Amino acid sequence: MSETERRILFVHAHPDDESISTGATMAKYAAEGAHVCLVTCTLGEEGEIIPDELRHLASDKEDRLGEFRIGELAEACSALGVTDHRFLGGPGRWRDSGMMGAPSNDHPRCFWRADVDEAAAELVPVIREVRPQVIVTYDERGGYGHPDHIQAHRVTLRARELAADPAHGEGEPWRAAKLYAAATPRTVLARSIALMRESRHPFKRVTSIDQLGYGVPDDQVTTVVDARAHLPAKLAALRAHRTQITVAAEDVGPFFALSNGLGQQAFGAEYYTLLDGPSGPRAADGRESGLFSGLPESR
């Protein structure tokens, strides 16, 4: 692997998270020739199924939904141009924990209960193999408080430390220069809600940001990736996750809904918070214009 090649690792909790929050970014960097690696921590066994014809896959002892979602994720990665995808510890090593406070939080194999060092030890070999300059995951609250997102944050931070430690495990140590959390500014969400209020999308109308459960103050957002040219790839990836996501018809607009039916806009510009590492040059809006900003050989 070339030392000048741009390499980026995304660590997400469930299938579909990658497409919803970082899909356009992944497609952009993949199209530009960067090595884009995705690690997914669970199979999303607790996801709520939307299509009636697939309800038989609902969570049961056999976790058939998780198996089905492996195929959905593969299709989504293909749409995004991502060819390097792995499940943390292998498919099904850790199970979807469900929403905070749900009985599934007590499942002995759920990711929320995983030992952080044990889970991080499964991510270290990936970091040392891929040697990413940049790692992307969630902030300390997991974006919207989902236990698996919070755990993915903890595991990713620990793995980044361990991967750089020569005393830990096998392989050549590697430290990713920059660590980011996906984030959406509240003003962007407010504009999106106003736009959707005037559109003819078929979903429930959102009246306040609080209904969505995510979004951060604008001053916490350090970086924006303009990947609007790759929004069609992101929408195709969202459609691939058909058990979890409904996407509006193309002539309606870039809108989608999860199982709660609340309409959301699929963004081509995606936003991030720099958690650690050097800050690159800032544009007029005060933000970096890319995740490799400020790094050698970056664009």
C-alpha atoms as a PDB file:
ATOM      1  CA  MET A   1       0.000   0.000   0.000  1.00  0.00           C
ATOM      2  CA  SER A   2       1.478   3.343  -1.041  1.00  0.00           C
ATOM      3  CA  GLU A   3       2.487   5.670   1.776  1.00  0.00           C
ATOM      4  CA  THR A   4       1.132   8.609  -0.248  1.00  0.00           C
ATOM      5  CA  GLU A   5      -2.260   6.976  -0.851  1.00  0.00           C
ATOM      6  CA  ARG A   6      -5.055   8.559   1.111  1.00  0.00           C
ATOM      7  CA  ARG A   7      -6.604   5.998   3.463  1.00  0.00           C
ATOM      8  CA  ILE A   8      -9.651   6.459   5.649  1.00  0.00           C
ATOM      9  CA  LEU A   9     -11.436   4.157   8.093  1.00  0.00           C
ATOM     10  CA  PHE A  10     -15.109   4.508   9.053  1.00  0.00           C
ATOM     11  CA  VAL A  11     -16.324   2.671  12.159  1.00  0.00           C
ATOM     12  CA  HIS A  12     -20.114   2.352  12.328  1.00  0.00           C
ATOM     13  CA  ALA A  13     -22.434   0.509  14.694  1.00  0.00           C
ATOM     14  CA  HIS A  14     -24.994  -1.076  12.348  1.00  0.00           C
ATOM     15  CA  PRO A  15     -25.641  -1.614   8.649  1.00  0.00           C
ATOM     16  CA  ASP A  16     -27.250   1.602   7.244  1.00  0.00           C
ATOM     17  CA  ASP A  17     -25.422   3.976   9.623  1.00  0.00           C
ATOM     18  CA  GLU A  18     -22.643   4.352   7.082  1.00  0.00           C
ATOM     19  CA  SER A  19     -25.045   5.429   4.348  1.00  0.00           C
ATOM     20  CA  ILE A  20     -27.179   7.780   6.445  1.00  0.00           C
ATOM     21  CA  SER A  21     -24.451   9.874   8.039  1.00  0.00           C
ATOM     22  CA  THR A  22     -21.335   9.415   5.899  1.00  0.00           C
ATOM     23  CA  GLY A  23     -22.441   7.840   2.610  1.00  0.00           C
ATOM     24  CA  ALA A  24     -21.702  10.797   0.335  1.00  0.00           C
ATOM     25  CA  THR A  25     -18.279  11.288   1.924  1.00  0.00           C
ATOM     26  CA  MET A  26     -17.405   7.627   1.456  1.00  0.00           C
ATOM     27  CA  ALA A  27     -18.512   7.723  -2.175  1.00  0.00           C
ATOM     28  CA  LYS A  28     -16.532  10.903  -2.845  1.00  0.00           C
ATOM     29  CA  TYR A  29     -13.268   9.611  -1.440  1.00  0.00           C
ATOM     30  CA  ALA A  30     -13.682   6.199  -3.072  1.00  0.00           C
ATOM     31  CA  ALA A  31     -14.309   7.867  -6.447  1.00  0.00           C
ATOM     32  CA  GLU A  32     -11.177   9.992  -5.964  1.00  0.00           C
ATOM     33  CA  GLY A  33      -9.050   6.888  -5.462  1.00  0.00           C
ATOM     34  CA  ALA A  34      -8.675   6.869  -1.697  1.00  0.00           C
ATOM     35  CA  HIS A  35      -8.678   3.560   0.163  1.00  0.00           C
ATOM     36  CA  VAL A  36     -12.003   3.609   2.021  1.00  0.00           C
ATOM     37  CA  CYS A  37     -12.440   0.930   4.689  1.00  0.00           C
ATOM     38  CA  LEU A  38     -15.681   0.372   6.596  1.00  0.00           C
ATOM     39  CA  VAL A  39     -15.918  -1.591   9.838  1.00  0.00           C
ATOM     40  CA  THR A  40     -19.430  -2.385  11.095  1.00  0.00           C
ATOM     41  CA  CYS A  41     -19.737  -3.485  14.717  1.00  0.00           C
ATOM     42  CA  THR A  42     -23.004  -5.470  14.617  1.00  0.00           C
ATOM     43  CA  LEU A  43     -25.453  -6.962  12.121  1.00  0.00           C
ATOM     44  CA  GLY A  44     -28.321  -4.709  13.215  1.00  0.00           C
ATOM     45  CA  GLU A  45     -30.401  -7.617  14.525  1.00  0.00           C
ATOM     46  CA  GLU A  46     -32.739  -5.322  16.497  1.00  0.00           C
ATOM     47  CA  GLY A  47     -33.692  -3.078  13.579  1.00  0.00           C
ATOM     48  CA  GLU A  48     -37.398  -2.391  13.045  1.00  0.00           C
ATOM     49  CA  ILE A  49     -38.511  -3.808   9.700  1.00  0.00           C
ATOM     50  CA  ILE A  50     -40.505  -1.542   7.390  1.00  0.00           C
ATOM     51  CA  PRO A  51     -41.745  -3.698   4.444  1.00  0.00           C
ATOM     52  CA  ASP A  52     -44.622  -6.006   5.338  1.00  0.00           C
ATOM     53  CA  GLU A  53     -43.232  -8.751   3.119  1.00  0.00           C
ATOM     54  CA  LEU A  54     -40.039  -8.859   5.180  1.00  0.00           C
ATOM     55  CA  ARG A  55     -41.583  -8.768   8.654  1.00  0.00           C
ATOM     56  CA  HIS A  56     -40.936 -12.483   9.016  1.00  0.00           C
ATOM     57  CA  LEU A  57     -37.271 -11.559   9.489  1.00  0.00           C
ATOM     58  CA  ALA A  58     -38.051  -9.806  12.782  1.00  0.00           C
ATOM     59  CA  SER A  59     -35.646 -10.455  15.637  1.00  0.00           C
ATOM     60  CA  ASP A  60     -35.822 -14.045  16.842  1.00  0.00           C
ATOM     61  CA  LYS A  61     -33.483 -16.698  18.186  1.00  0.00           C
ATOM     62  CA  GLU A  62     -32.018 -17.255  14.736  1.00  0.00           C
ATOM     63  CA  ASP A  63     -31.405 -13.527  14.111  1.00  0.00           C
ATOM     64  CA  ARG A  64     -32.508 -13.880  10.512  1.00  0.00           C
ATOM     65  CA  LEU A  65     -32.727 -10.106  10.133  1.00  0.00           C
ATOM     66  CA  GLY A  66     -29.020  -9.749  10.848  1.00  0.00           C
ATOM     67  CA  GLU A  67     -28.184 -12.286   8.183  1.00  0.00           C
ATOM     68  CA  PHE A  68     -30.415 -10.467   5.695  1.00  0.00           C
ATOM     69  CA  ARG A  69     -28.810  -7.136   6.473  1.00  0.00           C
ATOM     70  CA  ILE A  70     -25.384  -8.495   5.527  1.00  0.00           C
ATOM     71  CA  GLY A  71     -26.652  -8.556   1.950  1.00  0.00           C
ATOM     72  CA  GLU A  72     -28.175  -5.092   2.238  1.00  0.00           C
ATOM     73  CA  LEU A  73     -24.867  -3.701   3.454  1.00  0.00           C
ATOM     74  CA  ALA A  74     -22.944  -5.364   0.638  1.00  0.00           C
ATOM     75  CA  GLU A  75     -25.328  -3.760  -1.871  1.00  0.00           C
ATOM     76  CA  ALA A  76     -24.953  -0.363  -0.189  1.00  0.00           C
ATOM     77  CA  CYS A  77     -21.153  -0.598  -0.230  1.00  0.00           C
ATOM     78  CA  SER A  78     -21.272  -1.427  -3.924  1.00  0.00           C
ATOM     79  CA  ALA A  79     -23.385   1.674  -4.563  1.00  0.00           C
ATOM     80  CA  LEU A  80     -20.853   3.799  -2.665  1.00  0.00           C
ATOM     81  CA  GLY A  81     -17.856   2.265  -4.427  1.00  0.00           C
ATOM     82  CA  VAL A  82     -16.504   0.849  -1.177  1.00  0.00           C
ATOM     83  CA  THR A  83     -14.729  -2.467  -1.689  1.00  0.00           C
ATOM     84  CA  ASP A  84     -13.128  -2.931   1.752  1.00  0.00           C
ATOM     85  CA  HIS A  85     -15.737  -3.793   4.350  1.00  0.00           C
ATOM     86  CA  ARG A  86     -15.354  -5.881   7.514  1.00  0.00           C
ATOM     87  CA  PHE A  87     -17.484  -6.772  10.535  1.00  0.00           C
ATOM     88  CA  LEU A  88     -15.744  -6.175  13.849  1.00  0.00           C
ATOM     89  CA  GLY A  89     -14.491  -9.564  15.002  1.00  0.00           C
ATOM     90  CA  GLY A  90     -16.347 -11.235  12.117  1.00  0.00           C
ATOM     91  CA  PRO A  91     -20.086 -11.290  11.279  1.00  0.00           C
ATOM     92  CA  GLY A  92     -22.179 -11.721  14.414  1.00  0.00           C
ATOM     93  CA  ARG A  93     -19.341 -11.502  16.950  1.00  0.00           C
ATOM     94  CA  TRP A  94     -21.303  -8.788  18.743  1.00  0.00           C
ATOM     95  CA  ARG A  95     -25.024  -8.315  18.574  1.00  0.00           C
ATOM     96  CA  ASP A  96     -27.156  -5.204  18.099  1.00  0.00           C
ATOM     97  CA  SER A  97     -28.026  -3.887  21.585  1.00  0.00           C
ATOM     98  CA  GLY A  98     -31.235  -2.133  20.589  1.00  0.00           C
ATOM     99  CA  MET A  99     -32.228   1.269  21.941  1.00  0.00           C
ATOM    100  CA  MET A 100     -31.057   2.424  25.357  1.00  0.00           C
ATOM    101  CA  GLY A 101     -33.013   0.733  28.149  1.00  0.00           C
ATOM    102  CA  ALA A 102     -34.416  -2.045  25.941  1.00  0.00           C
ATOM    103  CA  PRO A 103     -34.314  -5.661  27.196  1.00  0.00           C
ATOM    104  CA  SER A 104     -31.871  -6.412  24.367  1.00  0.00           C
ATOM    105  CA  ASN A 105     -29.288  -4.338  26.282  1.00  0.00           C
ATOM    106  CA  ASP A 106     -28.962  -7.366  28.557  1.00  0.00           C
ATOM    107  CA  HIS A 107     -28.238  -9.897  25.830  1.00  0.00           C
ATOM    108  CA  PRO A 108     -24.897 -11.534  26.760  1.00  0.00           C
ATOM    109  CA  ARG A 109     -23.514 -10.948  23.269  1.00  0.00           C
ATOM    110  CA  CYS A 110     -24.749  -7.394  22.740  1.00  0.00           C
ATOM    111  CA  PHE A 111     -22.163  -4.801  21.769  1.00  0.00           C
ATOM    112  CA  TRP A 112     -23.108  -2.501  24.652  1.00  0.00           C
ATOM    113  CA  ARG A 113     -21.885  -5.156  27.103  1.00  0.00           C
ATOM    114  CA  ALA A 114     -18.669  -5.899  25.204  1.00  0.00           C
ATOM    115  CA  ASP A 115     -15.398  -5.390  27.005  1.00  0.00           C
ATOM    116  CA  VAL A 116     -13.930  -2.261  25.394  1.00  0.00           C
ATOM    117  CA  ASP A 117     -10.364  -3.596  25.334  1.00  0.00           C
ATOM    118  CA  GLU A 118     -11.508  -6.908  23.857  1.00  0.00           C
ATOM    119  CA  ALA A 119     -13.488  -5.202  21.108  1.00  0.00           C
ATOM    120  CA  ALA A 120     -10.706  -2.694  20.462  1.00  0.00           C
ATOM    121  CA  ALA A 121      -8.248  -5.574  20.077  1.00  0.00           C
ATOM    122  CA  GLU A 122     -10.308  -6.737  17.070  1.00  0.00           C
ATOM    123  CA  LEU A 123     -10.049  -3.306  15.470  1.00  0.00           C
ATOM    124  CA  VAL A 124      -6.305  -2.878  16.014  1.00  0.00           C
ATOM    125  CA  PRO A 125      -5.243  -5.340  13.253  1.00  0.00           C
ATOM    126  CA  VAL A 126      -7.516  -3.519  10.800  1.00  0.00           C
ATOM    127  CA  ILE A 127      -5.936  -0.169  11.669  1.00  0.00           C
ATOM    128  CA  ARG A 128      -2.428  -1.612  11.341  1.00  0.00           C
ATOM    129  CA  GLU A 129      -3.264  -3.237   8.012  1.00  0.00           C
ATOM    130  CA  VAL A 130      -5.126  -0.316   6.433  1.00  0.00           C
ATOM    131  CA  ARG A 131      -2.919   2.379   8.029  1.00  0.00           C
ATOM    132  CA  PRO A 132      -5.556   5.118   7.757  1.00  0.00           C
ATOM    133  CA  GLN A 133      -4.507   8.718   8.111  1.00  0.00           C
ATOM    134  CA  VAL A 134      -8.096   9.460   9.158  1.00  0.00           C
ATOM    135  CA  ILE A 135     -10.638   7.570  11.287  1.00  0.00           C
ATOM    136  CA  VAL A 136     -14.329   8.506  11.463  1.00  0.00           C
ATOM    137  CA  THR A 137     -16.835   7.331  14.065  1.00  0.00           C
ATOM    138  CA  TYR A 138     -19.309   8.986  16.503  1.00  0.00           C
ATOM    139  CA  ASP A 139     -18.965  11.464  19.348  1.00  0.00           C
ATOM    140  CA  GLU A 140     -19.091  10.446  23.012  1.00  0.00           C
ATOM    141  CA  ARG A 141     -22.903  10.464  23.055  1.00  0.00           C
ATOM    142  CA  GLY A 142     -23.123   8.332  19.944  1.00  0.00           C
ATOM    143  CA  GLY A 143     -24.812  11.036  17.905  1.00  0.00           C
ATOM    144  CA  TYR A 144     -28.251  10.398  19.374  1.00  0.00           C
ATOM    145  CA  GLY A 145     -27.594   8.236  22.417  1.00  0.00           C
ATOM    146  CA  HIS A 146     -27.797   4.755  20.933  1.00  0.00           C
ATOM    147  CA  PRO A 147     -25.728   2.405  23.123  1.00  0.00           C
ATOM    148  CA  ASP A 148     -23.970   0.793  20.174  1.00  0.00           C
ATOM    149  CA  HIS A 149     -22.964   4.198  18.795  1.00  0.00           C
ATOM    150  CA  ILE A 150     -21.574   5.186  22.180  1.00  0.00           C
ATOM    151  CA  GLN A 151     -19.705   1.892  22.382  1.00  0.00           C
ATOM    152  CA  ALA A 152     -18.342   2.325  18.854  1.00  0.00           C
ATOM    153  CA  HIS A 153     -16.912   5.673  19.947  1.00  0.00           C
ATOM    154  CA  ARG A 154     -15.241   4.115  22.990  1.00  0.00           C
ATOM    155  CA  VAL A 155     -13.884   1.129  21.083  1.00  0.00           C
ATOM    156  CA  THR A 156     -12.549   3.265  18.232  1.00  0.00           C
ATOM    157  CA  LEU A 157     -10.706   5.640  20.556  1.00  0.00           C
ATOM    158  CA  ARG A 158      -9.180   2.744  22.467  1.00  0.00           C
ATOM    159  CA  ALA A 159      -8.184   0.900  19.290  1.00  0.00           C
ATOM    160  CA  ARG A 160      -6.486   4.008  17.919  1.00  0.00           C
ATOM    161  CA  GLU A 161      -4.388   4.169  21.085  1.00  0.00           C
ATOM    162  CA  LEU A 162      -3.540   0.472  21.092  1.00  0.00           C
ATOM    163  CA  ALA A 163      -2.683   0.399  17.382  1.00  0.00           C
ATOM    164  CA  ALA A 164      -0.004   3.014  18.014  1.00  0.00           C
ATOM    165  CA  ASP A 165       1.494   1.148  20.973  1.00  0.00           C
ATOM    166  CA  PRO A 166       4.525  -0.999  19.988  1.00  0.00           C
ATOM    167  CA  ALA A 167       3.994  -3.091  23.123  1.00  0.00           C
ATOM    168  CA  HIS A 168       0.503  -4.164  22.066  1.00  0.00           C
ATOM    169  CA  GLY A 169      -0.025  -7.201  19.881  1.00  0.00           C
ATOM    170  CA  GLU A 170       1.508  -8.096  16.554  1.00  0.00           C
ATOM    171  CA  GLY A 171       2.095  -5.990  13.499  1.00  0.00           C
ATOM    172  CA  GLU A 172       3.693  -2.644  12.850  1.00  0.00           C
ATOM    173  CA  PRO A 173       2.289   0.139  15.057  1.00  0.00           C
ATOM    174  CA  TRP A 174       0.242   2.829  13.347  1.00  0.00           C
ATOM    175  CA  ARG A 175      -1.367   6.006  14.631  1.00  0.00           C
ATOM    176  CA  ALA A 176      -4.077   7.650  12.572  1.00  0.00           C
ATOM    177  CA  ALA A 177      -3.305  11.364  12.413  1.00  0.00           C
ATOM    178  CA  LYS A 178      -6.903  12.576  12.641  1.00  0.00           C
ATOM    179  CA  LEU A 179     -10.025  11.345  14.424  1.00  0.00           C
ATOM    180  CA  TYR A 180     -13.482  12.653  13.538  1.00  0.00           C
ATOM    181  CA  ALA A 181     -17.066  12.244  14.684  1.00  0.00           C
ATOM    182  CA  ALA A 182     -19.943  12.566  12.237  1.00  0.00           C
ATOM    183  CA  ALA A 183     -22.072  15.577  13.171  1.00  0.00           C
ATOM    184  CA  THR A 184     -24.910  17.646  11.712  1.00  0.00           C
ATOM    185  CA  PRO A 185     -25.224  21.340  12.605  1.00  0.00           C
ATOM    186  CA  ARG A 186     -28.555  22.363  14.086  1.00  0.00           C
ATOM    187  CA  THR A 187     -28.923  25.202  11.584  1.00  0.00           C
ATOM    188  CA  VAL A 188     -28.613  22.696   8.722  1.00  0.00           C
ATOM    189  CA  LEU A 189     -31.358  20.584  10.283  1.00  0.00           C
ATOM    190  CA  ALA A 190     -33.535  23.662  10.762  1.00  0.00           C
ATOM    191  CA  ARG A 191     -33.202  24.587   7.077  1.00  0.00           C
ATOM    192  CA  SER A 192     -33.920  21.005   6.113  1.00  0.00           C
ATOM    193  CA  ILE A 193     -37.105  20.907   8.193  1.00  0.00           C
ATOM    194  CA  ALA A 194     -38.275  24.136   6.541  1.00  0.00           C
ATOM    195  CA  LEU A 195     -37.504  22.746   3.082  1.00  0.00           C
ATOM    196  CA  MET A 196     -39.351  19.510   3.739  1.00  0.00           C
ATOM    197  CA  ARG A 197     -42.336  21.403   5.095  1.00  0.00           C
ATOM    198  CA  GLU A 198     -42.814  22.855   1.609  1.00  0.00           C
ATOM    199  CA  SER A 199     -42.121  19.652  -0.317  1.00  0.00           C
ATOM    200  CA  ARG A 200     -44.542  16.926  -1.371  1.00  0.00           C
ATOM    201  CA  HIS A 201     -42.721  14.011   0.217  1.00  0.00           C
ATOM    202  CA  PRO A 202     -44.913  11.160   1.565  1.00  0.00           C
ATOM    203  CA  PHE A 203     -43.499  11.064   5.114  1.00  0.00           C
ATOM    204  CA  LYS A 204     -44.571  12.454   8.469  1.00  0.00           C
ATOM    205  CA  ARG A 205     -43.751  16.123   8.908  1.00  0.00           C
ATOM    206  CA  VAL A 206     -41.035  17.055  11.379  1.00  0.00           C
ATOM    207  CA  THR A 207     -41.848  20.217  13.296  1.00  0.00           C
ATOM    208  CA  SER A 208     -38.763  20.548  15.477  1.00  0.00           C
ATOM    209  CA  ILE A 209     -35.140  19.392  15.610  1.00  0.00           C
ATOM    210  CA  ASP A 210     -35.829  17.662  18.911  1.00  0.00           C
ATOM    211  CA  GLN A 211     -38.087  15.186  17.099  1.00  0.00           C
ATOM    212  CA  LEU A 212     -35.084  13.923  15.153  1.00  0.00           C
ATOM    213  CA  GLY A 213     -32.996  13.353  18.275  1.00  0.00           C
ATOM    214  CA  TYR A 214     -29.680  14.428  16.775  1.00  0.00           C
ATOM    215  CA  GLY A 215     -27.850  17.561  15.714  1.00  0.00           C
ATOM    216  CA  VAL A 216     -25.117  19.576  17.410  1.00  0.00           C
ATOM    217  CA  PRO A 217     -24.512  23.281  17.975  1.00  0.00           C
ATOM    218  CA  ASP A 218     -22.916  24.842  14.922  1.00  0.00           C
ATOM    219  CA  ASP A 219     -19.749  25.795  16.786  1.00  0.00           C
ATOM    220  CA  GLN A 220     -18.996  22.119  17.426  1.00  0.00           C
ATOM    221  CA  VAL A 221     -18.756  21.382  13.695  1.00  0.00           C
ATOM    222  CA  THR A 222     -15.204  21.809  12.427  1.00  0.00           C
ATOM    223  CA  THR A 223     -15.359  20.267   8.970  1.00  0.00           C
ATOM    224  CA  VAL A 224     -17.645  19.982   5.953  1.00  0.00           C
ATOM    225  CA  VAL A 225     -17.211  17.613   3.013  1.00  0.00           C
ATOM    226  CA  ASP A 226     -18.946  18.844  -0.118  1.00  0.00           C
ATOM    227  CA  ALA A 227     -19.951  15.574  -1.737  1.00  0.00           C
ATOM    228  CA  ARG A 228     -23.123  16.777  -3.460  1.00  0.00           C
ATOM    229  CA  ALA A 229     -21.958  15.244  -6.736  1.00  0.00           C
ATOM    230  CA  HIS A 230     -22.171  11.861  -4.988  1.00  0.00           C
ATOM    231  CA  LEU A 231     -25.652  12.266  -3.516  1.00  0.00           C
ATOM    232  CA  PRO A 232     -27.113   9.844  -6.121  1.00  0.00           C
ATOM    233  CA  ALA A 233     -24.727   7.143  -4.853  1.00  0.00           C
ATOM    234  CA  LYS A 234     -25.782   7.860  -1.283  1.00  0.00           C
ATOM    235  CA  LEU A 235     -29.468   7.587  -2.210  1.00  0.00           C
ATOM    236  CA  ALA A 236     -28.801   4.286  -3.964  1.00  0.00           C
ATOM    237  CA  ALA A 237     -27.068   3.036  -0.809  1.00  0.00           C
ATOM    238  CA  LEU A 238     -30.010   4.139   1.327  1.00  0.00           C
ATOM    239  CA  ARG A 239     -32.388   2.241  -0.968  1.00  0.00           C
ATOM    240  CA  ALA A 240     -30.260  -0.876  -0.508  1.00  0.00           C
ATOM    241  CA  HIS A 241     -31.172  -0.873   3.204  1.00  0.00           C
ATOM    242  CA  ARG A 242     -34.798  -1.563   2.378  1.00  0.00           C
ATOM    243  CA  THR A 243     -35.668  -3.275   5.665  1.00  0.00           C
ATOM    244  CA  GLN A 244     -34.818  -0.068   7.538  1.00  0.00           C
ATOM    245  CA  ILE A 245     -35.249   2.872   5.162  1.00  0.00           C
ATOM    246  CA  THR A 246     -37.873   4.177   2.748  1.00  0.00           C
ATOM    247  CA  VAL A 247     -36.539   6.585   0.114  1.00  0.00           C
ATOM    248  CA  ALA A 248     -38.820   9.024  -1.693  1.00  0.00           C
ATOM    249  CA  ALA A 249     -39.286   8.776  -5.448  1.00  0.00           C
ATOM    250  CA  GLU A 250     -36.562  10.508  -7.452  1.00  0.00           C
ATOM    251  CA  ASP A 251     -38.896  13.253  -8.710  1.00  0.00           C
ATOM    252  CA  VAL A 252     -39.872  14.178  -5.140  1.00  0.00           C
ATOM    253  CA  GLY A 253     -36.438  14.989  -3.756  1.00  0.00           C
ATOM    254  CA  PRO A 254     -33.617  13.489  -1.678  1.00  0.00           C
ATOM    255  CA  PHE A 255     -35.815  12.506   1.240  1.00  0.00           C
ATOM    256  CA  PHE A 256     -36.114   9.337   3.315  1.00  0.00           C
ATOM    257  CA  ALA A 257     -37.647   7.956   6.489  1.00  0.00           C
ATOM    258  CA  LEU A 258     -36.760   5.307   9.030  1.00  0.00           C
ATOM    259  CA  SER A 259     -39.309   3.072  10.743  1.00  0.00           C
ATOM    260  CA  ASN A 260     -40.716   6.021  12.717  1.00  0.00           C
ATOM    261  CA  GLY A 261     -41.921   7.502   9.426  1.00  0.00           C
ATOM    262  CA  LEU A 262     -40.423  10.945  10.078  1.00  0.00           C
ATOM    263  CA  GLY A 263     -39.206  12.600   6.911  1.00  0.00           C
ATOM    264  CA  GLN A 264     -35.526  13.491   6.689  1.00  0.00           C
ATOM    265  CA  GLN A 265     -33.335  15.012   4.010  1.00  0.00           C
ATOM    266  CA  ALA A 266     -30.392  13.068   2.622  1.00  0.00           C
ATOM    267  CA  PHE A 267     -27.501  15.509   2.594  1.00  0.00           C
ATOM    268  CA  GLY A 268     -24.798  15.676  -0.054  1.00  0.00           C
ATOM    269  CA  ALA A 269     -22.719  17.939   2.151  1.00  0.00           C
ATOM    270  CA  GLU A 270     -21.757  16.023   5.303  1.00  0.00           C
ATOM    271  CA  TYR A 271     -20.387  17.470   8.500  1.00  0.00           C
ATOM    272  CA  TYR A 272     -17.874  16.370  11.123  1.00  0.00           C
ATOM    273  CA  THR A 273     -16.236  17.345  14.394  1.00  0.00           C
ATOM    274  CA  LEU A 274     -12.468  16.965  14.685  1.00  0.00           C
ATOM    275  CA  LEU A 275     -11.949  15.054  17.951  1.00  0.00           C
ATOM    276  CA  ASP A 276      -8.171  14.789  17.745  1.00  0.00           C
ATOM    277  CA  GLY A 277      -5.362  15.645  15.379  1.00  0.00           C
ATOM    278  CA  PRO A 278      -4.111  18.648  13.455  1.00  0.00           C
ATOM    279  CA  SER A 279      -6.630  21.092  12.081  1.00  0.00           C
ATOM    280  CA  GLY A 280      -6.251  21.943   8.412  1.00  0.00           C
ATOM    281  CA  PRO A 281      -6.789  25.304   6.715  1.00  0.00           C
ATOM    282  CA  ARG A 282     -10.188  26.842   7.334  1.00  0.00           C
ATOM    283  CA  ALA A 283     -12.456  28.219   4.625  1.00  0.00           C
ATOM    284  CA  ALA A 284     -14.508  31.411   4.886  1.00  0.00           C
ATOM    285  CA  ASP A 285     -17.085  29.597   7.009  1.00  0.00           C
ATOM    286  CA  GLY A 286     -14.382  28.728   9.540  1.00  0.00           C
ATOM    287  CA  ARG A 287     -14.377  25.014   8.722  1.00  0.00           C
ATOM    288  CA  GLU A 288     -12.023  22.562   7.087  1.00  0.00           C
ATOM    289  CA  SER A 289     -13.141  21.536   3.604  1.00  0.00           C
ATOM    290  CA  GLY A 290     -12.134  17.879   3.853  1.00  0.00           C
ATOM    291  CA  LEU A 291     -11.181  15.122   6.258  1.00  0.00           C
ATOM    292  CA  PHE A 292      -7.609  14.953   4.954  1.00  0.00           C
ATOM    293  CA  SER A 293      -7.205  18.705   5.243  1.00  0.00           C
ATOM    294  CA  GLY A 294      -3.792  19.731   6.529  1.00  0.00           C
ATOM    295  CA  LEU A 295      -2.199  16.319   6.019  1.00  0.00           C
ATOM    296  CA  PRO A 296       0.678  15.658   3.575  1.00  0.00           C
ATOM    297  CA  GLU A 297      -0.404  14.756   0.037  1.00  0.00           C
ATOM    298  CA  SER A 298      -4.004  15.693   0.940  1.00  0.00           C
ATOM    299  CA  ARG A 299      -6.613  17.214  -1.329  1.00  0.00           C
END
